[in-house]
Amino acid sequence: MKQFIKLTLILFAAGLLLVACTADANEGANVAAQIADFDLPPGYTADFSVTVSGYSVAAYNPGDGHSHLYLIQSNKEEDGEALAAGLSKLVPGSGDVRMTVVENRPVTVRGQNVTAVISEGLNSENTRYRQIMVAFQGKGGPALLALSTPVSTWDETMVANFLVSLR
C-alpha cells in the first residue's frame, strides 16, 4: 500500500509537471527508447515526455484530439503492480470515463507472454472509447502501455502491429 501511495503521488506530480515537460520529438524518442523500441503507429507524433523520480513517460497522439498512446516505466522492480494501477489515473478522460473490461487477451510484448486488458466506456460527451493496457518488462524496469481511441476509430490491425513492434 505504501508503494501505491508513493506512486500515486509521483504520478500526480508528473501530471503537474506537464507544463514543464518537453514536447520535443527527439527528447520524446529518447525517453521512449529507454522503455522499448517500437514502430510508432501511422499518424502518431510525440505529445510530451517526462522523467521524474525514477519514472519515465512518453506520450503520443495522432492529432485527432481524442486518441492517446502512453508508455510509462519505473526503474524499480517493486513498482510493477502499483504502476499498472496508477497509470489509469493518467489516461485522458479517466475522470469522466467509466471503463468496463471487455477482453483479456494473451499477447507477446518484447518476447514476454503477457495479458492485454481491453476496456470500453463512455465519456461525458457520450463518446464510446476503447482502451488497451499492457504491463510488460521494459528495458529499465516494469512498464505499461496504454492506448485509447474512440471505438469509431479503433483499428485492430494497427493495435496488433504496434504490439508486435514493441521490442
N, C-alpha and C. Protein backbone atom coordinates (compact mmCIF):
# COMPACT_ATOMS: atom_id res chain seq x y z
N MET A 1 0.83 -1.19 0.00
CA MET A 1 0.00 0.00 0.00
C MET A 1 0.87 1.26 0.00
N LYS A 2 1.96 1.22 0.76
CA LYS A 2 2.86 2.38 0.84
C LYS A 2 3.43 2.69 -0.54
N GLN A 3 3.81 1.64 -1.30
CA GLN A 3 4.35 1.85 -2.65
C GLN A 3 3.30 2.47 -3.56
N PHE A 4 2.03 2.03 -3.44
CA PHE A 4 0.97 2.58 -4.28
C PHE A 4 0.77 4.06 -3.98
N ILE A 5 0.77 4.43 -2.71
CA ILE A 5 0.60 5.84 -2.33
C ILE A 5 1.76 6.66 -2.89
N LYS A 6 2.99 6.13 -2.77
CA LYS A 6 4.15 6.83 -3.31
C LYS A 6 4.02 7.01 -4.82
N LEU A 7 3.63 5.94 -5.52
CA LEU A 7 3.46 6.01 -6.97
C LEU A 7 2.37 7.01 -7.34
N THR A 8 1.26 6.99 -6.65
CA THR A 8 0.17 7.92 -6.93
C THR A 8 0.65 9.36 -6.78
N LEU A 9 1.41 9.64 -5.73
CA LEU A 9 1.93 11.00 -5.53
C LEU A 9 2.91 11.38 -6.63
N ILE A 10 3.75 10.44 -7.05
CA ILE A 10 4.70 10.73 -8.12
C ILE A 10 3.97 10.99 -9.43
N LEU A 11 2.96 10.16 -9.72
CA LEU A 11 2.20 10.36 -10.96
C LEU A 11 1.44 11.69 -10.93
N PHE A 12 0.93 12.06 -9.76
CA PHE A 12 0.25 13.35 -9.63
C PHE A 12 1.25 14.48 -9.88
N ALA A 13 2.43 14.36 -9.29
CA ALA A 13 3.47 15.38 -9.50
C ALA A 13 3.86 15.43 -10.97
N ALA A 14 3.95 14.26 -11.61
CA ALA A 14 4.28 14.23 -13.04
C ALA A 14 3.22 14.96 -13.84
N GLY A 15 1.97 14.78 -13.47
CA GLY A 15 0.89 15.49 -14.15
C GLY A 15 1.03 17.00 -13.99
N LEU A 16 1.42 17.44 -12.81
CA LEU A 16 1.63 18.87 -12.59
C LEU A 16 2.81 19.39 -13.39
N LEU A 17 3.79 18.53 -13.62
CA LEU A 17 4.98 18.93 -14.36
C LEU A 17 4.77 18.95 -15.86
N LEU A 18 3.62 18.54 -16.32
CA LEU A 18 3.38 18.51 -17.77
C LEU A 18 3.61 19.88 -18.40
N VAL A 19 3.37 20.92 -17.64
CA VAL A 19 3.61 22.26 -18.14
C VAL A 19 5.09 22.45 -18.45
N ALA A 20 5.94 21.82 -17.63
CA ALA A 20 7.38 21.98 -17.79
C ALA A 20 8.02 20.87 -18.60
N CYS A 21 7.27 19.83 -18.94
CA CYS A 21 7.90 18.73 -19.66
C CYS A 21 8.02 19.06 -21.14
N THR A 22 8.80 18.25 -21.81
CA THR A 22 9.14 18.55 -23.19
C THR A 22 8.13 17.98 -24.17
N ALA A 23 7.90 18.71 -25.22
CA ALA A 23 7.11 18.21 -26.34
C ALA A 23 8.02 18.01 -27.54
N ASP A 24 9.33 18.09 -27.32
CA ASP A 24 10.32 17.91 -28.37
C ASP A 24 10.31 16.45 -28.82
N ALA A 25 10.15 16.23 -30.12
CA ALA A 25 10.05 14.87 -30.66
C ALA A 25 11.30 14.06 -30.40
N ASN A 26 12.49 14.69 -30.50
CA ASN A 26 13.73 13.96 -30.26
C ASN A 26 13.84 13.53 -28.81
N GLU A 27 13.49 14.42 -27.89
CA GLU A 27 13.55 14.07 -26.47
C GLU A 27 12.52 12.99 -26.15
N GLY A 28 11.33 13.09 -26.73
CA GLY A 28 10.32 12.04 -26.54
C GLY A 28 10.82 10.70 -27.03
N ALA A 29 11.51 10.70 -28.17
CA ALA A 29 12.06 9.46 -28.70
C ALA A 29 13.14 8.91 -27.78
N ASN A 30 13.94 9.79 -27.17
CA ASN A 30 14.97 9.34 -26.23
C ASN A 30 14.36 8.70 -25.00
N VAL A 31 13.30 9.32 -24.46
CA VAL A 31 12.62 8.76 -23.28
C VAL A 31 11.99 7.42 -23.65
N ALA A 32 11.30 7.37 -24.78
CA ALA A 32 10.65 6.13 -25.21
C ALA A 32 11.67 5.03 -25.44
N ALA A 33 12.84 5.36 -25.98
CA ALA A 33 13.88 4.37 -26.26
C ALA A 33 14.42 3.75 -24.98
N GLN A 34 14.26 4.42 -23.85
CA GLN A 34 14.66 3.85 -22.57
C GLN A 34 13.67 2.79 -22.09
N ILE A 35 12.47 2.82 -22.66
CA ILE A 35 11.41 1.88 -22.27
C ILE A 35 11.39 0.68 -23.21
N ALA A 36 11.30 0.94 -24.51
CA ALA A 36 11.24 -0.13 -25.51
C ALA A 36 11.51 0.48 -26.88
N ASP A 37 11.92 -0.36 -27.80
CA ASP A 37 12.00 0.05 -29.20
C ASP A 37 10.66 -0.34 -29.83
N PHE A 38 10.18 0.46 -30.79
CA PHE A 38 8.90 0.18 -31.42
C PHE A 38 8.75 1.00 -32.68
N ASP A 39 7.80 0.61 -33.49
CA ASP A 39 7.41 1.37 -34.68
C ASP A 39 6.14 2.12 -34.32
N LEU A 40 6.23 3.44 -34.27
CA LEU A 40 5.08 4.28 -33.92
C LEU A 40 3.97 4.07 -34.94
N PRO A 41 2.72 3.93 -34.49
CA PRO A 41 1.62 3.77 -35.45
C PRO A 41 1.53 4.95 -36.40
N PRO A 42 1.09 4.71 -37.64
CA PRO A 42 0.97 5.79 -38.62
C PRO A 42 0.13 6.95 -38.09
N GLY A 43 0.64 8.17 -38.29
CA GLY A 43 -0.08 9.37 -37.89
C GLY A 43 0.20 9.83 -36.47
N TYR A 44 0.77 8.98 -35.63
CA TYR A 44 1.05 9.36 -34.25
C TYR A 44 2.36 10.15 -34.19
N THR A 45 2.36 11.22 -33.38
CA THR A 45 3.54 12.04 -33.16
C THR A 45 3.71 12.26 -31.67
N ALA A 46 4.91 12.69 -31.29
CA ALA A 46 5.20 12.95 -29.88
C ALA A 46 4.28 14.02 -29.34
N ASP A 47 3.74 13.75 -28.15
CA ASP A 47 2.90 14.72 -27.45
C ASP A 47 3.72 15.36 -26.34
N PHE A 48 4.26 14.54 -25.44
CA PHE A 48 5.14 15.03 -24.39
C PHE A 48 5.94 13.86 -23.84
N SER A 49 6.96 14.19 -23.10
CA SER A 49 7.72 13.18 -22.36
C SER A 49 8.19 13.81 -21.06
N VAL A 50 8.37 12.96 -20.06
CA VAL A 50 8.85 13.44 -18.77
C VAL A 50 9.56 12.30 -18.07
N THR A 51 10.62 12.63 -17.35
CA THR A 51 11.31 11.69 -16.50
C THR A 51 11.42 12.35 -15.14
N VAL A 52 10.85 11.68 -14.11
CA VAL A 52 10.86 12.26 -12.78
C VAL A 52 10.84 11.13 -11.74
N SER A 53 11.68 11.25 -10.73
CA SER A 53 11.72 10.32 -9.59
C SER A 53 11.72 8.85 -9.98
N GLY A 54 12.49 8.50 -10.99
CA GLY A 54 12.60 7.10 -11.38
C GLY A 54 11.53 6.62 -12.34
N TYR A 55 10.67 7.52 -12.80
CA TYR A 55 9.62 7.17 -13.75
C TYR A 55 9.84 7.91 -15.05
N SER A 56 9.56 7.24 -16.15
CA SER A 56 9.65 7.85 -17.47
C SER A 56 8.30 7.68 -18.17
N VAL A 57 7.85 8.75 -18.81
CA VAL A 57 6.60 8.72 -19.56
C VAL A 57 6.85 9.31 -20.94
N ALA A 58 6.40 8.59 -21.97
CA ALA A 58 6.43 9.09 -23.34
C ALA A 58 5.00 9.01 -23.86
N ALA A 59 4.49 10.12 -24.36
CA ALA A 59 3.10 10.18 -24.81
C ALA A 59 3.05 10.60 -26.28
N TYR A 60 2.11 10.01 -26.99
CA TYR A 60 1.92 10.27 -28.42
C TYR A 60 0.44 10.42 -28.70
N ASN A 61 0.12 11.14 -29.80
CA ASN A 61 -1.26 11.19 -30.26
C ASN A 61 -1.26 11.41 -31.77
N PRO A 62 -2.39 11.07 -32.42
CA PRO A 62 -2.45 11.24 -33.88
C PRO A 62 -3.01 12.59 -34.31
N GLY A 63 -3.21 13.50 -33.35
CA GLY A 63 -3.69 14.84 -33.69
C GLY A 63 -5.19 14.94 -33.85
N ASP A 64 -5.92 13.90 -33.46
CA ASP A 64 -7.38 13.96 -33.60
C ASP A 64 -8.08 14.53 -32.38
N GLY A 65 -7.30 14.82 -31.32
CA GLY A 65 -7.89 15.38 -30.11
C GLY A 65 -8.59 14.35 -29.24
N HIS A 66 -8.55 13.08 -29.62
CA HIS A 66 -9.27 12.04 -28.88
C HIS A 66 -8.41 10.84 -28.52
N SER A 67 -7.46 10.50 -29.36
CA SER A 67 -6.68 9.27 -29.19
C SER A 67 -5.35 9.57 -28.52
N HIS A 68 -4.89 8.60 -27.70
CA HIS A 68 -3.65 8.79 -26.95
C HIS A 68 -2.92 7.48 -26.80
N LEU A 69 -1.60 7.56 -26.79
CA LEU A 69 -0.73 6.41 -26.59
C LEU A 69 0.30 6.80 -25.54
N TYR A 70 0.38 6.02 -24.46
CA TYR A 70 1.34 6.29 -23.39
C TYR A 70 2.22 5.07 -23.17
N LEU A 71 3.49 5.32 -22.95
CA LEU A 71 4.43 4.32 -22.45
C LEU A 71 4.99 4.90 -21.16
N ILE A 72 4.95 4.12 -20.09
CA ILE A 72 5.46 4.58 -18.81
C ILE A 72 6.29 3.45 -18.20
N GLN A 73 7.36 3.84 -17.52
CA GLN A 73 8.25 2.84 -16.93
C GLN A 73 8.79 3.34 -15.60
N SER A 74 8.94 2.41 -14.66
CA SER A 74 9.62 2.69 -13.40
C SER A 74 10.96 1.98 -13.44
N ASN A 75 11.95 2.57 -12.80
CA ASN A 75 13.24 1.88 -12.72
C ASN A 75 13.33 0.98 -11.49
N LYS A 76 12.19 0.83 -10.78
CA LYS A 76 12.15 0.00 -9.57
C LYS A 76 11.24 -1.20 -9.81
N GLU A 77 11.80 -2.40 -9.73
CA GLU A 77 11.05 -3.62 -9.98
C GLU A 77 9.81 -3.74 -9.09
N GLU A 78 9.91 -3.28 -7.85
CA GLU A 78 8.79 -3.43 -6.92
C GLU A 78 7.58 -2.57 -7.28
N ASP A 79 7.73 -1.66 -8.25
CA ASP A 79 6.62 -0.79 -8.66
C ASP A 79 5.72 -1.40 -9.73
N GLY A 80 6.00 -2.62 -10.16
CA GLY A 80 5.24 -3.23 -11.25
C GLY A 80 3.73 -3.20 -11.07
N GLU A 81 3.23 -3.71 -9.94
CA GLU A 81 1.78 -3.75 -9.72
C GLU A 81 1.21 -2.36 -9.51
N ALA A 82 1.92 -1.53 -8.74
CA ALA A 82 1.44 -0.18 -8.50
C ALA A 82 1.41 0.64 -9.78
N LEU A 83 2.34 0.36 -10.69
CA LEU A 83 2.39 1.06 -11.97
C LEU A 83 1.13 0.80 -12.76
N ALA A 84 0.71 -0.45 -12.82
CA ALA A 84 -0.49 -0.81 -13.56
C ALA A 84 -1.72 -0.11 -12.97
N ALA A 85 -1.81 -0.04 -11.65
CA ALA A 85 -2.94 0.62 -11.01
C ALA A 85 -2.86 2.13 -11.16
N GLY A 86 -1.66 2.69 -11.03
CA GLY A 86 -1.51 4.14 -11.06
C GLY A 86 -1.67 4.78 -12.41
N LEU A 87 -1.30 4.08 -13.49
CA LEU A 87 -1.37 4.69 -14.81
C LEU A 87 -2.80 5.02 -15.21
N SER A 88 -3.76 4.26 -14.72
CA SER A 88 -5.15 4.53 -15.10
C SER A 88 -5.56 5.95 -14.73
N LYS A 89 -4.88 6.55 -13.76
CA LYS A 89 -5.18 7.93 -13.38
C LYS A 89 -4.63 8.95 -14.37
N LEU A 90 -3.65 8.54 -15.20
CA LEU A 90 -3.05 9.45 -16.18
C LEU A 90 -3.76 9.43 -17.52
N VAL A 91 -4.52 8.38 -17.80
CA VAL A 91 -5.13 8.25 -19.12
C VAL A 91 -6.17 9.35 -19.30
N PRO A 92 -6.10 10.11 -20.39
CA PRO A 92 -7.04 11.20 -20.62
C PRO A 92 -8.48 10.70 -20.51
N GLY A 93 -9.28 11.50 -19.86
CA GLY A 93 -10.69 11.14 -19.70
C GLY A 93 -10.95 10.20 -18.55
N SER A 94 -9.89 9.80 -17.81
CA SER A 94 -10.10 8.82 -16.75
C SER A 94 -11.05 9.36 -15.69
N GLY A 95 -11.13 10.68 -15.57
CA GLY A 95 -12.05 11.26 -14.60
C GLY A 95 -13.49 11.24 -15.07
N ASP A 96 -13.70 11.15 -16.38
CA ASP A 96 -15.07 11.18 -16.88
C ASP A 96 -15.41 9.99 -17.77
N VAL A 97 -14.61 8.94 -17.71
CA VAL A 97 -14.89 7.72 -18.46
C VAL A 97 -14.93 6.56 -17.49
N ARG A 98 -16.02 5.80 -17.51
CA ARG A 98 -16.10 4.59 -16.72
C ARG A 98 -15.85 3.42 -17.67
N MET A 99 -14.77 2.72 -17.44
CA MET A 99 -14.35 1.66 -18.34
C MET A 99 -14.80 0.31 -17.81
N THR A 100 -15.22 -0.55 -18.73
CA THR A 100 -15.59 -1.92 -18.42
C THR A 100 -14.69 -2.84 -19.23
N VAL A 101 -14.08 -3.80 -18.56
CA VAL A 101 -13.21 -4.74 -19.26
C VAL A 101 -14.07 -5.61 -20.17
N VAL A 102 -13.69 -5.65 -21.46
CA VAL A 102 -14.42 -6.46 -22.43
C VAL A 102 -13.61 -7.67 -22.89
N GLU A 103 -12.29 -7.64 -22.65
CA GLU A 103 -11.47 -8.77 -23.06
C GLU A 103 -10.13 -8.75 -22.34
N ASN A 104 -9.67 -9.92 -21.97
CA ASN A 104 -8.30 -10.14 -21.53
C ASN A 104 -7.67 -11.00 -22.61
N ARG A 105 -6.68 -10.45 -23.30
CA ARG A 105 -6.12 -11.11 -24.47
C ARG A 105 -4.64 -11.44 -24.24
N PRO A 106 -4.25 -12.71 -24.41
CA PRO A 106 -2.82 -13.02 -24.32
C PRO A 106 -2.08 -12.43 -25.53
N VAL A 107 -0.99 -11.74 -25.25
CA VAL A 107 -0.16 -11.15 -26.30
C VAL A 107 1.30 -11.36 -25.94
N THR A 108 2.17 -11.15 -26.91
CA THR A 108 3.61 -11.19 -26.67
C THR A 108 4.17 -9.80 -26.90
N VAL A 109 4.84 -9.28 -25.88
CA VAL A 109 5.46 -7.95 -25.95
C VAL A 109 6.91 -8.10 -25.50
N ARG A 110 7.83 -7.68 -26.35
CA ARG A 110 9.26 -7.78 -26.06
C ARG A 110 9.64 -9.20 -25.68
N GLY A 111 9.03 -10.19 -26.34
CA GLY A 111 9.33 -11.59 -26.10
C GLY A 111 8.69 -12.17 -24.86
N GLN A 112 7.85 -11.39 -24.19
CA GLN A 112 7.20 -11.82 -22.95
C GLN A 112 5.74 -12.15 -23.22
N ASN A 113 5.25 -13.24 -22.68
CA ASN A 113 3.83 -13.56 -22.75
C ASN A 113 3.13 -12.81 -21.63
N VAL A 114 2.28 -11.86 -22.01
CA VAL A 114 1.58 -11.00 -21.05
C VAL A 114 0.10 -10.93 -21.43
N THR A 115 -0.67 -10.26 -20.62
CA THR A 115 -2.10 -10.12 -20.88
C THR A 115 -2.43 -8.67 -21.21
N ALA A 116 -3.10 -8.47 -22.32
CA ALA A 116 -3.61 -7.14 -22.69
C ALA A 116 -5.03 -7.04 -22.15
N VAL A 117 -5.33 -5.95 -21.48
CA VAL A 117 -6.67 -5.72 -20.95
C VAL A 117 -7.34 -4.68 -21.85
N ILE A 118 -8.43 -5.08 -22.48
CA ILE A 118 -9.15 -4.20 -23.38
C ILE A 118 -10.46 -3.80 -22.69
N SER A 119 -10.68 -2.49 -22.63
CA SER A 119 -11.84 -1.94 -21.94
C SER A 119 -12.58 -1.00 -22.86
N GLU A 120 -13.85 -0.78 -22.55
CA GLU A 120 -14.66 0.20 -23.26
C GLU A 120 -15.46 1.02 -22.26
N GLY A 121 -15.80 2.24 -22.67
CA GLY A 121 -16.61 3.10 -21.82
C GLY A 121 -17.05 4.34 -22.56
N LEU A 122 -17.94 5.10 -21.92
CA LEU A 122 -18.45 6.36 -22.47
C LEU A 122 -17.86 7.51 -21.69
N ASN A 123 -17.46 8.58 -22.42
CA ASN A 123 -17.00 9.77 -21.70
C ASN A 123 -18.19 10.69 -21.44
N SER A 124 -17.93 11.85 -20.87
CA SER A 124 -19.01 12.79 -20.51
C SER A 124 -19.73 13.34 -21.74
N GLU A 125 -19.11 13.21 -22.92
CA GLU A 125 -19.74 13.67 -24.16
C GLU A 125 -20.43 12.53 -24.90
N ASN A 126 -20.61 11.39 -24.21
CA ASN A 126 -21.24 10.19 -24.77
C ASN A 126 -20.48 9.61 -25.96
N THR A 127 -19.18 9.81 -25.98
CA THR A 127 -18.35 9.17 -26.99
C THR A 127 -17.85 7.86 -26.41
N ARG A 128 -18.04 6.78 -27.13
CA ARG A 128 -17.58 5.47 -26.68
C ARG A 128 -16.10 5.31 -27.00
N TYR A 129 -15.31 4.97 -25.98
CA TYR A 129 -13.88 4.77 -26.09
C TYR A 129 -13.51 3.31 -25.90
N ARG A 130 -12.41 2.92 -26.53
CA ARG A 130 -11.81 1.61 -26.30
C ARG A 130 -10.36 1.86 -25.90
N GLN A 131 -9.90 1.04 -24.98
CA GLN A 131 -8.54 1.21 -24.45
C GLN A 131 -7.89 -0.16 -24.30
N ILE A 132 -6.61 -0.21 -24.59
CA ILE A 132 -5.82 -1.41 -24.32
C ILE A 132 -4.70 -1.01 -23.37
N MET A 133 -4.51 -1.82 -22.33
CA MET A 133 -3.42 -1.61 -21.38
C MET A 133 -2.65 -2.92 -21.28
N VAL A 134 -1.33 -2.80 -21.35
CA VAL A 134 -0.46 -3.98 -21.30
C VAL A 134 0.71 -3.67 -20.38
N ALA A 135 0.84 -4.45 -19.32
CA ALA A 135 2.01 -4.34 -18.45
C ALA A 135 3.07 -5.31 -18.97
N PHE A 136 4.31 -4.85 -19.02
CA PHE A 136 5.40 -5.69 -19.53
C PHE A 136 6.71 -5.23 -18.90
N GLN A 137 7.75 -6.01 -19.11
CA GLN A 137 9.07 -5.63 -18.62
C GLN A 137 9.75 -4.78 -19.67
N GLY A 138 9.96 -3.50 -19.37
CA GLY A 138 10.65 -2.61 -20.28
C GLY A 138 12.15 -2.79 -20.18
N LYS A 139 12.88 -1.98 -20.92
CA LYS A 139 14.35 -2.07 -20.91
C LYS A 139 14.94 -1.77 -19.54
N GLY A 140 14.27 -0.90 -18.77
CA GLY A 140 14.84 -0.47 -17.49
C GLY A 140 13.96 -0.74 -16.29
N GLY A 141 12.93 -1.59 -16.44
CA GLY A 141 12.06 -1.88 -15.31
C GLY A 141 10.64 -2.17 -15.78
N PRO A 142 9.71 -2.31 -14.82
CA PRO A 142 8.33 -2.58 -15.18
C PRO A 142 7.76 -1.43 -16.00
N ALA A 143 7.01 -1.77 -17.03
CA ALA A 143 6.48 -0.76 -17.95
C ALA A 143 5.01 -1.04 -18.24
N LEU A 144 4.36 -0.04 -18.77
CA LEU A 144 2.95 -0.15 -19.11
C LEU A 144 2.68 0.62 -20.38
N LEU A 145 1.91 0.03 -21.25
CA LEU A 145 1.42 0.68 -22.47
C LEU A 145 -0.06 0.93 -22.27
N ALA A 146 -0.53 2.12 -22.61
CA ALA A 146 -1.96 2.42 -22.63
C ALA A 146 -2.26 3.14 -23.93
N LEU A 147 -3.18 2.58 -24.70
CA LEU A 147 -3.60 3.19 -25.96
C LEU A 147 -5.11 3.33 -25.90
N SER A 148 -5.61 4.53 -26.16
CA SER A 148 -7.03 4.83 -26.04
C SER A 148 -7.51 5.59 -27.28
N THR A 149 -8.61 5.12 -27.89
CA THR A 149 -9.20 5.80 -29.04
C THR A 149 -10.72 5.66 -28.98
N PRO A 150 -11.43 6.55 -29.66
CA PRO A 150 -12.87 6.32 -29.78
C PRO A 150 -13.10 4.98 -30.50
N VAL A 151 -14.15 4.27 -30.11
CA VAL A 151 -14.47 2.99 -30.74
C VAL A 151 -14.60 3.16 -32.26
N SER A 152 -15.14 4.29 -32.68
CA SER A 152 -15.36 4.52 -34.12
C SER A 152 -14.07 4.57 -34.92
N THR A 153 -12.94 4.84 -34.26
CA THR A 153 -11.66 4.89 -34.98
C THR A 153 -10.70 3.78 -34.55
N TRP A 154 -11.17 2.87 -33.69
CA TRP A 154 -10.32 1.77 -33.23
C TRP A 154 -9.89 0.95 -34.44
N ASP A 155 -8.60 0.69 -34.54
CA ASP A 155 -8.05 -0.06 -35.66
C ASP A 155 -7.31 -1.27 -35.10
N GLU A 156 -7.97 -2.41 -35.12
CA GLU A 156 -7.41 -3.63 -34.53
C GLU A 156 -6.08 -4.01 -35.19
N THR A 157 -5.97 -3.81 -36.50
CA THR A 157 -4.73 -4.12 -37.20
C THR A 157 -3.59 -3.23 -36.72
N MET A 158 -3.87 -1.93 -36.55
CA MET A 158 -2.85 -1.00 -36.06
C MET A 158 -2.40 -1.40 -34.66
N VAL A 159 -3.36 -1.75 -33.80
CA VAL A 159 -3.03 -2.14 -32.43
C VAL A 159 -2.16 -3.40 -32.44
N ALA A 160 -2.56 -4.40 -33.21
CA ALA A 160 -1.78 -5.65 -33.29
C ALA A 160 -0.38 -5.39 -33.83
N ASN A 161 -0.28 -4.57 -34.87
CA ASN A 161 1.04 -4.26 -35.44
C ASN A 161 1.91 -3.52 -34.44
N PHE A 162 1.32 -2.60 -33.68
CA PHE A 162 2.10 -1.86 -32.69
C PHE A 162 2.60 -2.80 -31.59
N LEU A 163 1.74 -3.69 -31.11
CA LEU A 163 2.16 -4.63 -30.07
C LEU A 163 3.31 -5.50 -30.54
N VAL A 164 3.21 -5.98 -31.78
CA VAL A 164 4.27 -6.82 -32.35
C VAL A 164 5.57 -6.03 -32.48
N SER A 165 5.45 -4.73 -32.76
CA SER A 165 6.66 -3.92 -32.98
C SER A 165 7.41 -3.61 -31.69
N LEU A 166 6.78 -3.76 -30.52
CA LEU A 166 7.44 -3.48 -29.25
C LEU A 166 8.54 -4.52 -29.02
N ARG A 167 9.76 -4.05 -28.94
CA ARG A 167 10.89 -4.97 -28.78
C ARG A 167 11.92 -4.37 -27.85
